[in-house]
Amino acid sequence: MKKAGYTVVLTIMVLSSLSYANSSLGDLVTTAWPLNNPLERGDFPIIVGNVKDQGGNPVEGALVKITFATETISATTNNVGSFYIELKTAAESGDYKVNIITTKEGYGMSIVNTSYFVNGIPQSVPNIDLTIISQVPTLVQDGFTKNPLSQIILKHMEEVQRQQQEEEKKRQEIENHKNLIDEQRQIAQNTLEEDLKSFEKQFEFFTPRLAFGRFVQDVDDTVKLIFWDQFNFTEQRHTEAYAAKVDAIKNGENTVEATKIFQRKAAVTKSEIVDYNSKLNVKYGLADKNTQRFFDSEGKLRWNKDLSDNKTVFWYLDPKN
């Protein structure tokens, strides 16, 4: 009976002897919970958790002290700020609350609590010698016992509550700041999209097709369609080359190799241009196929040579005409 009473007193005196250090790095933020809950009689309670700074970063090497009903056990957080503490005494049935105190040099102390439940019927509570308690001066007022022991408990509870309120306030401030940043990012994204639309609208006048259309306006109507067919030919080649570049990137090519593929696909040789122009001359009635055959791949007139077997042909152009 006396031994149980001393255990409570010693536990509370340990709590009351801890100081609350001020730190430029801010208070530690400790989260703890029972690994298994509820437990069965004879199980060994295990408390796990993590320790972070005010920015949410894990704190390594923090000292974590957990005060159980029968003993206090300490551990140190690992490189990801986690800890694991197992009570060495088998659990008895009942509802238990444990205090967790975390400290590290350069940080303010963290005090939190958690609880666990052990299934089964609690052991009978031994009779207490009321004459021992009557020897401690007490004053009951508004439901609170005014004695040195209760004052220590009350101060500890007030400090825990204060820290929990501060943690909640800081958490809310962080959440509000995050929401503000998200809102600002969305506003910036919307503004960017509007600017891009305005930019595209402003420079739509200078797109290749519109610019070429303004150029063709001054071209003779008899050849205007040829000009447009030439533009469509190069535009189609460019579109196919761009599609080949996109496919190359999707297939794992880097941008340099993809750009080389684009350049090869988009390139138009002189012979291709001459051949295409010959087809356009025939298409729009500016020349027939036989006439076009007298021009070589360079677009130059073939002089005095047969087109099929290099035999001399009997035609010429009068230089005077």
Protein backbone atom coordinates (compact mmCIF):
# COMPACT_ATOMS: atom_id res chain seq x y z
CA MET A 1 0.00 0.00 0.00
CA LYS A 2 2.70 2.50 0.95
CA LYS A 3 4.86 1.37 -1.94
CA ALA A 4 2.10 2.25 -4.44
CA GLY A 5 1.70 5.67 -2.87
CA TYR A 6 5.44 6.38 -3.12
CA THR A 7 5.42 5.36 -6.79
CA VAL A 8 2.83 8.03 -7.62
CA VAL A 9 4.70 10.70 -5.67
CA LEU A 10 8.04 9.88 -7.30
CA THR A 11 6.49 9.86 -10.77
CA ILE A 12 4.96 13.27 -10.34
CA MET A 13 8.13 14.68 -8.79
CA VAL A 14 10.05 13.56 -11.89
CA LEU A 15 7.57 15.43 -14.05
CA SER A 16 7.76 18.54 -11.89
CA SER A 17 11.58 18.63 -11.98
CA LEU A 18 11.72 19.10 -15.76
CA SER A 19 12.26 22.66 -16.99
CA TYR A 20 10.85 24.21 -20.11
CA ALA A 21 13.80 25.55 -22.12
CA ASN A 22 13.49 28.42 -24.56
CA SER A 23 14.98 27.80 -28.03
CA SER A 24 15.46 29.74 -31.21
CA LEU A 25 14.64 26.54 -33.12
CA GLY A 26 11.19 26.24 -31.58
CA ASP A 27 9.54 23.43 -29.64
CA LEU A 28 9.69 19.83 -30.71
CA VAL A 29 6.50 18.26 -32.09
CA THR A 30 5.95 14.74 -30.76
CA THR A 31 3.32 12.28 -31.95
CA ALA A 32 2.88 8.99 -30.05
CA TRP A 33 0.43 6.12 -29.97
CA PRO A 34 0.22 2.50 -28.71
CA LEU A 35 1.34 -0.06 -31.28
CA ASN A 36 -1.49 -2.40 -30.27
CA ASN A 37 -4.70 -1.31 -28.60
CA PRO A 38 -6.45 -2.85 -26.77
CA LEU A 39 -4.06 -5.38 -25.22
CA GLU A 40 -4.64 -8.58 -23.30
CA ARG A 41 -3.44 -9.23 -19.76
CA GLY A 42 0.18 -10.32 -19.83
CA ASP A 43 1.01 -8.38 -23.01
CA PHE A 44 3.82 -5.84 -22.97
CA PRO A 45 2.65 -2.33 -23.92
CA ILE A 46 4.56 -0.75 -26.80
CA ILE A 47 4.50 2.96 -27.58
CA VAL A 48 5.73 4.21 -30.96
CA GLY A 49 5.85 7.64 -32.51
CA ASN A 50 7.92 10.28 -34.19
CA VAL A 51 9.48 13.65 -33.40
CA LYS A 52 9.58 16.57 -35.84
CA ASP A 53 10.55 20.23 -35.80
CA GLN A 54 8.16 23.10 -36.47
CA GLY A 55 8.74 22.74 -40.20
CA GLY A 56 7.65 19.09 -40.21
CA ASN A 57 11.20 17.72 -40.60
CA PRO A 58 12.19 14.57 -38.63
CA VAL A 59 14.50 15.18 -35.65
CA GLU A 60 17.20 12.58 -35.09
CA GLY A 61 18.77 11.95 -31.67
CA ALA A 62 15.93 13.39 -29.58
CA LEU A 63 15.57 11.91 -26.07
CA VAL A 64 12.10 10.47 -25.48
CA LYS A 65 11.00 9.58 -21.93
CA ILE A 66 7.74 7.70 -21.42
CA THR A 67 6.31 7.46 -17.92
CA PHE A 68 4.18 4.34 -17.46
CA ALA A 69 2.29 3.47 -14.30
CA THR A 70 5.17 1.35 -13.02
CA GLU A 71 8.33 2.79 -14.59
CA THR A 72 9.89 5.40 -16.87
CA ILE A 73 11.66 4.24 -20.04
CA SER A 74 13.86 6.34 -22.34
CA ALA A 75 14.78 6.00 -25.99
CA THR A 76 16.42 8.05 -28.75
CA THR A 77 14.87 8.82 -32.12
CA ASN A 78 16.46 7.27 -35.21
CA ASN A 79 17.53 8.97 -38.43
CA VAL A 80 13.88 9.44 -39.52
CA GLY A 81 12.76 10.79 -36.14
CA SER A 82 10.94 7.63 -35.03
CA PHE A 83 11.08 5.84 -31.66
CA TYR A 84 9.93 2.49 -30.23
CA ILE A 85 9.54 1.89 -26.50
CA GLU A 86 8.36 -1.35 -24.88
CA LEU A 87 7.35 -1.68 -21.24
CA LYS A 88 9.24 -4.51 -19.52
CA THR A 89 6.38 -5.25 -17.10
CA ALA A 90 3.43 -7.31 -18.27
CA ALA A 91 0.21 -5.33 -18.45
CA GLU A 92 -2.66 -5.77 -16.02
CA SER A 93 -6.29 -5.11 -16.95
CA GLY A 94 -7.32 -1.49 -16.93
CA ASP A 95 -7.22 1.84 -18.74
CA TYR A 96 -3.78 3.47 -18.72
CA LYS A 97 -2.49 6.92 -19.58
CA VAL A 98 1.19 7.58 -20.25
CA ASN A 99 3.14 10.83 -20.49
CA ILE A 100 5.77 11.38 -23.20
CA ILE A 101 8.45 14.02 -22.66
CA THR A 102 10.83 14.80 -25.55
CA THR A 103 13.99 16.91 -25.29
CA LYS A 104 16.97 17.79 -27.44
CA GLU A 105 19.60 20.46 -27.10
CA GLY A 106 18.67 23.53 -29.10
CA TYR A 107 14.92 22.78 -29.06
CA GLY A 108 12.09 23.46 -26.67
CA MET A 109 10.62 20.54 -24.72
CA SER A 110 7.59 18.60 -25.97
CA ILE A 111 5.10 17.03 -23.52
CA VAL A 112 2.24 14.91 -24.84
CA ASN A 113 0.27 11.93 -23.60
CA THR A 114 -1.50 8.89 -24.97
CA SER A 115 -3.41 5.94 -23.51
CA TYR A 116 -4.02 2.25 -23.97
CA PHE A 117 -6.54 -0.26 -22.65
CA VAL A 118 -5.91 -3.78 -21.34
CA ASN A 119 -8.84 -6.19 -21.57
CA GLY A 120 -10.03 -8.13 -18.55
CA ILE A 121 -11.36 -7.42 -15.07
CA PRO A 122 -9.08 -5.02 -13.15
CA GLN A 123 -7.50 -6.34 -9.97
CA SER A 124 -9.22 -5.26 -6.78
CA VAL A 125 -7.99 -1.99 -5.40
CA PRO A 126 -6.37 -2.46 -1.97
CA ASN A 127 -7.77 -0.63 1.01
CA ILE A 128 -6.10 2.70 1.63
CA ASP A 129 -5.11 3.83 5.08
CA LEU A 130 -7.03 7.11 5.28
CA THR A 131 -5.07 8.16 8.35
CA ILE A 132 -1.98 8.64 6.14
CA ILE A 133 -3.88 10.93 3.75
CA SER A 134 -5.42 12.84 6.67
CA GLN A 135 -1.92 13.76 7.77
CA VAL A 136 -1.42 15.78 4.54
CA PRO A 137 -2.94 19.28 4.91
CA THR A 138 -5.69 19.65 2.33
CA LEU A 139 -8.19 22.28 1.37
CA VAL A 140 -11.05 21.35 -0.93
CA GLN A 141 -12.37 24.29 -2.90
CA ASP A 142 -14.50 24.09 -6.07
CA GLY A 143 -13.73 20.40 -6.46
CA PHE A 144 -9.88 20.83 -6.46
CA THR A 145 -7.60 19.54 -3.73
CA LYS A 146 -5.17 22.29 -2.68
CA ASN A 147 -2.05 20.47 -1.57
CA PRO A 148 1.55 20.33 -2.86
CA LEU A 149 0.91 17.12 -4.78
CA SER A 150 -2.19 18.40 -6.55
CA GLN A 151 -0.44 21.66 -7.43
CA ILE A 152 2.31 19.74 -9.24
CA ILE A 153 -0.28 17.73 -11.17
CA LEU A 154 -2.29 20.85 -12.00
CA LYS A 155 0.78 22.74 -13.28
CA HIS A 156 1.78 19.79 -15.42
CA MET A 157 -1.73 19.53 -16.90
CA GLU A 158 -1.80 23.26 -17.61
CA GLU A 159 1.58 23.07 -19.35
CA VAL A 160 0.50 20.11 -21.46
CA GLN A 161 -2.70 21.92 -22.42
CA ARG A 162 -0.76 25.09 -23.26
CA GLN A 163 1.64 23.17 -25.51
CA GLN A 164 -1.20 21.36 -27.22
CA GLN A 165 -2.92 24.67 -27.90
CA GLU A 166 0.30 26.16 -29.27
CA GLU A 167 0.87 23.11 -31.47
CA GLU A 168 -2.69 23.36 -32.79
CA LYS A 169 -2.21 27.08 -33.43
CA LYS A 170 1.06 26.48 -35.29
CA ARG A 171 -0.50 23.63 -37.25
CA GLN A 172 -3.37 25.90 -38.23
CA GLU A 173 -0.93 28.66 -39.23
CA ILE A 174 1.01 26.19 -41.41
CA GLU A 175 -2.24 24.96 -42.97
CA ASN A 176 -3.40 28.53 -43.64
CA HIS A 177 -0.03 29.41 -45.15
CA LYS A 178 -0.18 26.34 -47.40
CA ASN A 179 -3.70 27.25 -48.52
CA LEU A 180 -2.56 30.80 -49.25
CA ILE A 181 0.33 29.51 -51.36
CA ASP A 182 -2.02 27.17 -53.26
CA GLU A 183 -4.39 30.07 -53.94
CA GLN A 184 -1.53 32.29 -55.14
CA ARG A 185 -0.26 29.52 -57.41
CA GLN A 186 -3.72 29.10 -58.90
CA ILE A 187 -4.04 32.85 -59.45
CA ALA A 188 -0.59 32.92 -61.08
CA GLN A 189 -1.55 29.95 -63.30
CA ASN A 190 -4.78 31.64 -64.37
CA THR A 191 -2.93 34.88 -65.09
CA LEU A 192 -0.32 33.01 -67.13
CA GLU A 193 -2.98 31.28 -69.19
CA GLU A 194 -4.71 34.59 -69.87
CA ASP A 195 -1.37 36.19 -70.85
CA LEU A 196 -0.62 33.31 -73.21
CA LYS A 197 -4.03 33.62 -74.85
CA SER A 198 -3.51 37.36 -75.22
CA PHE A 199 -0.01 36.78 -76.59
CA GLU A 200 -1.28 34.26 -79.13
CA LYS A 201 -4.06 36.61 -80.17
CA GLN A 202 -1.62 39.50 -80.49
CA PHE A 203 0.82 37.56 -82.65
CA GLU A 204 -1.76 35.62 -84.63
CA PHE A 205 -1.21 38.21 -87.36
CA PHE A 206 2.35 36.92 -87.78
CA THR A 207 1.61 33.18 -88.10
CA PRO A 208 3.19 31.58 -91.21
CA ARG A 209 -0.11 30.98 -93.02
CA LEU A 210 -1.48 34.48 -92.42
CA ALA A 211 1.83 36.09 -93.31
CA PHE A 212 2.03 34.05 -96.53
CA GLY A 213 -1.57 34.96 -97.31
CA ARG A 214 -0.74 38.65 -97.16
CA PHE A 215 2.24 38.03 -99.44
CA VAL A 216 0.17 36.10 -102.01
CA GLN A 217 -2.37 38.92 -102.22
CA ASP A 218 0.04 40.84 -104.47
CA VAL A 219 0.82 37.84 -106.70
CA ASP A 220 -0.76 37.50 -110.14
CA ASP A 221 -3.96 35.46 -110.00
CA THR A 222 -2.70 33.12 -112.74
CA VAL A 223 0.01 31.73 -110.44
CA LYS A 224 -1.49 32.38 -107.02
CA LEU A 225 -2.73 28.79 -106.65
CA ILE A 226 0.76 27.50 -107.44
CA PHE A 227 2.14 29.59 -104.59
CA TRP A 228 -0.44 28.17 -102.21
CA ASP A 229 0.32 24.59 -103.29
CA GLN A 230 4.01 25.25 -102.66
CA PHE A 231 3.21 26.58 -99.18
CA ASN A 232 0.99 23.58 -98.40
CA PHE A 233 3.75 21.24 -99.53
CA THR A 234 6.32 22.74 -97.13
CA GLU A 235 3.75 23.05 -94.32
CA GLN A 236 2.83 19.36 -94.61
CA ARG A 237 6.51 18.39 -94.57
CA HIS A 238 7.00 20.49 -91.41
CA THR A 239 3.95 18.89 -89.73
CA GLU A 240 5.20 15.37 -90.49
CA ALA A 241 8.68 16.26 -89.22
CA TYR A 242 7.28 17.64 -85.96
CA ALA A 243 5.22 14.47 -85.44
CA ALA A 244 8.38 12.40 -86.00
CA LYS A 245 10.20 14.50 -83.36
CA VAL A 246 7.42 13.94 -80.81
CA ASP A 247 7.45 10.18 -81.47
CA ALA A 248 11.23 10.09 -81.04
CA ILE A 249 11.00 11.76 -77.62
CA LYS A 250 8.24 9.35 -76.57
CA ASN A 251 10.49 6.45 -77.61
CA GLY A 252 13.30 7.63 -75.33
CA GLU A 253 15.41 9.84 -77.62
CA ASN A 254 16.89 12.99 -76.10
CA THR A 255 16.00 16.42 -77.44
CA VAL A 256 19.21 16.72 -79.49
CA GLU A 257 18.60 13.50 -81.41
CA ALA A 258 14.88 14.30 -81.74
CA THR A 259 15.76 17.71 -83.22
CA LYS A 260 18.08 16.05 -85.76
CA ILE A 261 15.23 13.75 -86.77
CA PHE A 262 12.99 16.79 -87.20
CA GLN A 263 15.58 18.55 -89.37
CA ARG A 264 16.02 15.49 -91.62
CA LYS A 265 12.27 15.03 -92.04
CA ALA A 266 11.59 18.72 -92.66
CA ALA A 267 14.41 19.22 -95.19
CA VAL A 268 13.38 19.62 -98.85
CA THR A 269 15.98 19.02 -101.56
CA LYS A 270 16.32 21.15 -104.65
CA SER A 271 15.38 18.24 -106.92
CA GLU A 272 12.19 17.68 -104.91
CA ILE A 273 11.25 21.34 -105.37
CA VAL A 274 11.94 21.22 -109.12
CA ASP A 275 9.94 18.02 -109.49
CA TYR A 276 7.03 19.42 -107.49
CA ASN A 277 7.03 22.68 -109.47
CA SER A 278 6.96 20.68 -112.72
CA LYS A 279 3.86 18.85 -111.49
CA LEU A 280 2.26 22.16 -110.53
CA ASN A 281 2.96 23.60 -114.01
CA VAL A 282 1.17 20.64 -115.53
CA LYS A 283 -1.62 20.72 -112.91
CA TYR A 284 -2.50 24.37 -113.58
CA GLY A 285 -2.00 24.22 -117.38
CA LEU A 286 1.13 26.33 -117.55
CA ALA A 287 2.98 23.55 -119.43
CA ASP A 288 2.39 20.01 -120.67
CA LYS A 289 4.27 16.89 -119.66
CA ASN A 290 6.41 16.81 -122.81
CA THR A 291 7.59 20.36 -122.26
CA GLN A 292 8.45 19.67 -118.64
CA ARG A 293 10.58 16.72 -119.70
CA PHE A 294 13.11 19.07 -121.24
CA PHE A 295 14.14 20.38 -117.80
CA ASP A 296 16.65 18.51 -115.64
CA SER A 297 16.64 17.92 -111.89
CA GLU A 298 18.25 21.32 -111.39
CA GLY A 299 15.47 23.05 -113.28
CA LYS A 300 17.77 23.78 -116.20
CA LEU A 301 16.89 23.24 -119.83
CA ARG A 302 18.40 20.13 -121.46
CA TRP A 303 20.29 21.23 -124.62
CA ASN A 304 20.48 18.94 -127.68
CA LYS A 305 20.21 15.64 -125.77
CA ASP A 306 17.58 12.99 -125.96
CA LEU A 307 15.86 12.39 -122.68
CA SER A 308 15.97 8.61 -122.83
CA ASP A 309 19.27 7.45 -124.30
CA ASN A 310 21.43 10.58 -124.67
CA LYS A 311 20.81 10.79 -128.41
CA THR A 312 20.93 14.17 -130.08
CA VAL A 313 17.50 15.62 -130.59
CA PHE A 314 16.55 17.98 -133.39
CA TRP A 315 15.28 21.02 -131.60
CA TYR A 316 16.77 24.18 -130.26
CA LEU A 317 15.80 27.54 -128.90
CA ASP A 318 16.54 30.55 -131.05
CA PRO A 319 18.76 32.79 -128.88
CA LYS A 320 17.22 35.83 -130.60
CA ASN A 321 13.76 34.99 -129.30
